[in-house]
Protein backbone atom coordinates (compact mmCIF):
# COMPACT_ATOMS: atom_id res chain seq x y z
CA MET A 1 49.23 -0.46 42.10
CA ASN A 2 48.61 -3.11 45.06
CA LYS A 3 51.48 -3.87 47.77
CA ARG A 4 51.66 -6.97 46.28
CA GLY A 5 51.32 -6.49 42.34
CA GLU A 6 54.23 -3.70 43.38
CA LEU A 7 56.25 -6.89 44.50
CA THR A 8 55.56 -8.77 42.03
CA LYS A 9 56.61 -5.76 39.88
CA GLN A 10 59.84 -6.74 41.81
CA ILE A 11 60.72 -9.91 41.18
CA LEU A 12 59.78 -9.60 37.71
CA LEU A 13 62.33 -6.93 37.20
CA ALA A 14 64.29 -8.37 39.20
CA LEU A 15 64.22 -11.79 36.81
CA GLY A 16 64.59 -9.18 34.33
CA ALA A 17 67.55 -7.59 35.03
CA GLY A 18 69.31 -11.06 35.27
CA PHE A 19 69.47 -12.07 38.88
CA VAL A 20 69.83 -15.27 38.55
CA ILE A 21 67.17 -17.31 41.77
CA THR A 22 68.60 -20.93 41.92
CA THR A 23 66.98 -23.31 44.34
CA VAL A 24 68.88 -26.95 45.36
CA MET A 25 65.73 -29.26 45.63
CA VAL A 26 64.98 -31.25 48.78
CA LEU A 27 61.74 -32.64 47.79
CA PRO A 28 60.26 -32.34 44.58
CA GLY A 29 57.48 -29.52 45.02
CA SER A 30 57.74 -28.63 47.96
CA ALA A 31 58.10 -24.66 49.51
CA GLU A 32 62.02 -26.29 50.16
CA MET A 33 62.58 -24.70 47.01
CA PHE A 34 61.39 -20.28 48.02
CA ARG A 35 64.53 -20.81 50.34
CA PRO A 36 66.98 -18.86 48.97
CA LEU A 37 64.63 -16.36 47.60
CA ILE A 38 65.13 -14.55 51.51
CA LYS A 39 67.51 -12.60 50.17
CA LEU A 40 65.80 -11.43 47.64
CA MET A 41 62.74 -11.09 49.46
CA LYS A 42 64.01 -9.81 52.04
CA LYS A 43 65.60 -6.54 50.04
CA PHE A 44 61.93 -5.98 49.37
CA LYS A 45 61.51 -6.07 53.03
CA THR A 46 58.41 -8.20 52.92
CA LYS A 47 57.47 -10.86 54.98
CA ARG A 48 58.62 -14.72 53.45
CA GLN A 49 55.52 -15.32 53.35
CA SER A 50 53.58 -12.49 51.33
CA PHE A 51 56.92 -13.29 48.66
CA VAL A 52 56.27 -16.64 48.59
CA LYS A 53 52.61 -16.51 47.69
CA SER A 54 53.67 -13.73 45.29
CA ILE A 55 55.67 -16.26 43.04
CA LYS A 56 53.33 -19.19 43.66
CA THR A 57 51.11 -16.28 42.01
CA MET A 58 53.04 -15.54 39.16
CA LYS A 59 53.59 -19.18 38.38
CA ARG A 60 49.65 -19.69 38.18
CA ASP A 61 49.75 -16.65 36.63
CA ARG A 62 52.13 -18.15 34.51
CA LEU A 63 53.97 -15.08 34.10
CA ILE A 64 57.34 -17.32 35.20
CA ASP A 65 58.10 -21.14 35.57
CA PHE A 66 60.48 -23.45 37.55
CA LYS A 67 63.04 -25.03 35.11
CA GLU A 68 64.57 -28.50 37.48
CA ASP A 69 68.24 -29.90 35.78
CA GLY A 70 68.94 -31.85 38.15
CA ASN A 71 68.46 -31.12 41.67
CA ILE A 72 69.16 -28.03 40.26
CA SER A 73 65.79 -25.30 40.12
CA LYS A 74 66.13 -21.97 38.52
CA ILE A 75 62.52 -18.98 38.22
CA VAL A 76 62.58 -18.66 34.28
CA ILE A 77 60.37 -15.61 33.23
CA LEU A 78 57.50 -16.91 30.64
CA GLU A 79 56.28 -15.05 27.41
CA LYS A 80 53.08 -13.50 29.00
CA GLY A 81 56.03 -12.32 32.60
CA ARG A 82 57.84 -11.43 29.68
CA GLU A 83 54.86 -8.49 27.94
CA LYS A 84 54.60 -7.86 32.01
CA LEU A 85 58.38 -6.69 32.18
CA LEU A 86 57.72 -4.94 29.28
CA LYS A 87 54.95 -2.60 30.49
CA TYR A 88 56.81 -1.68 33.49
CA ASP A 89 59.15 -0.86 30.95
CA LEU A 90 57.38 1.42 30.55
CA ASP A 91 55.99 2.93 32.76
CA SER A 92 59.69 4.45 33.80
CA LEU A 93 60.77 5.40 30.06
CA GLU A 94 61.81 8.48 29.79
CA ILE A 95 63.39 10.47 26.75
CA LYS A 96 66.93 12.09 27.87
CA ASN A 97 67.32 15.27 26.81
CA PRO A 98 70.54 17.14 25.67
CA LYS A 99 72.17 19.94 26.93
CA LYS A 100 72.19 21.31 23.78
CA TRP A 101 69.41 21.05 20.98
CA ASP A 102 70.18 20.22 17.53
CA GLY A 103 68.41 22.18 15.91
CA ILE A 104 65.83 18.78 13.77
CA TRP A 105 62.52 18.25 14.99
CA ARG A 106 61.30 15.09 15.55
CA ILE A 107 57.32 14.44 14.52
CA VAL A 108 55.37 12.18 15.37
CA ILE A 109 52.47 10.52 13.47
CA PHE A 110 50.02 8.51 13.23
CA ASP A 111 46.54 6.68 12.53
CA ILE A 112 45.50 4.47 14.10
CA PRO A 113 42.32 2.08 13.12
CA GLU A 114 39.50 1.99 15.78
CA ASN A 115 39.30 -1.53 15.99
CA GLU A 116 42.24 -0.43 18.05
CA LYS A 117 41.22 2.62 19.77
CA THR A 118 42.83 1.62 23.40
CA ALA A 119 45.78 1.68 21.55
CA ARG A 120 45.67 5.29 20.33
CA ASN A 121 44.63 6.29 23.11
CA ALA A 122 47.57 5.14 25.31
CA LEU A 123 50.14 6.40 22.02
CA ARG A 124 49.00 9.78 22.95
CA LEU A 125 48.88 9.71 26.66
CA LYS A 126 52.77 8.43 26.64
CA LEU A 127 53.62 10.80 24.26
CA LYS A 128 51.88 12.89 26.30
CA GLU A 129 53.53 11.78 29.27
CA LEU A 130 56.78 11.91 27.32
CA GLY A 131 56.87 15.47 27.48
CA PHE A 132 55.44 15.41 23.17
CA HIS A 133 54.05 18.41 22.79
CA GLN A 134 50.43 17.35 20.69
CA LEU A 135 49.90 19.52 16.95
CA GLN A 136 46.96 17.86 15.78
CA LYS A 137 44.98 15.10 17.43
CA SER A 138 47.80 12.32 16.15
CA VAL A 139 50.65 14.55 15.35
CA PHE A 140 53.23 15.11 18.24
CA ILE A 141 56.75 17.20 18.12
CA PHE A 142 59.63 17.21 19.96
CA PRO A 143 62.76 18.16 19.96
CA TYR A 144 65.36 15.71 21.12
CA PRO A 145 66.83 12.75 19.82
CA CYS A 146 63.54 9.40 20.76
CA LEU A 147 63.69 6.80 17.56
CA SER A 148 64.80 4.09 20.03
CA GLU A 149 62.27 5.41 22.09
CA ILE A 150 59.47 5.20 20.32
CA GLN A 151 60.33 2.06 19.02
CA PHE A 152 59.82 0.19 21.94
CA ILE A 153 56.17 1.92 22.35
CA GLU A 154 54.35 1.52 19.39
CA GLU A 155 56.61 -2.43 19.89
CA ILE A 156 54.64 -2.48 22.88
CA PHE A 157 51.38 -1.17 22.06
CA LYS A 158 51.59 -3.04 18.07
CA VAL A 159 51.27 -0.25 16.21
CA GLY A 160 54.29 0.05 14.14
CA PRO A 161 52.84 0.09 11.17
CA TYR A 162 50.22 2.53 11.72
CA ILE A 163 53.19 5.29 12.90
CA ASN A 164 55.47 7.83 11.08
CA PHE A 165 58.06 8.99 12.55
CA ILE A 166 59.39 12.88 10.56
CA GLU A 167 62.90 14.66 11.01
CA ALA A 168 62.65 17.94 10.20
CA GLN A 169 65.09 20.64 10.20
CA LYS A 170 62.75 23.26 10.05
CA ILE A 171 58.96 23.71 10.43
CA GLU A 172 57.54 27.54 9.32
CA GLY A 173 56.36 30.06 12.16
CA ASP A 174 58.01 27.16 15.00
CA GLU A 175 59.59 30.21 17.55
CA TRP A 176 56.31 29.37 19.72
CA LEU A 177 57.07 25.50 19.25
CA LYS A 178 60.69 26.58 20.52
CA GLN A 179 58.92 28.83 23.02
CA LYS A 180 57.07 25.68 24.33
CA PHE A 181 60.12 23.72 24.99
CA ASN A 182 62.37 26.82 25.81
CA LEU A 183 64.78 25.91 23.32
């Protein structure tokens, strides 16, 4: 990701985390509305010019918009910005492994149609990245609780109807899996 893309990501993450940016308008539509953003800009250690340009680009790309209430203006995240924010959340997604295994295997099975091939490949890649073991082309296994993470991934890739999540107490011949996951 280039520097501008990283700045866009950080601004969206700050807005998504509830960082409210409000400004007092001196002249409607003027660059003065960006003055209170200087604090956020300093936080990300970037020049004001780059920061303002990123905000304007985000508005042009319909990631954010300005909502005016009298002489107060707020930056709000639009639907396209929320989708991008979810993808950033996906990038940082990780499954917390408890200290002790509960003895339950989590199995993700999917049959995603060919016309959704990109989502299918992205799902496979993300499951491997999260530490799942691939049993078959569309069957992955993991030893720790992860249902909410799988549901989040389904939502991002829009493949929920094609995925089944199974919890199993016993898998015949699972000793090699226990070794694989150091259980």
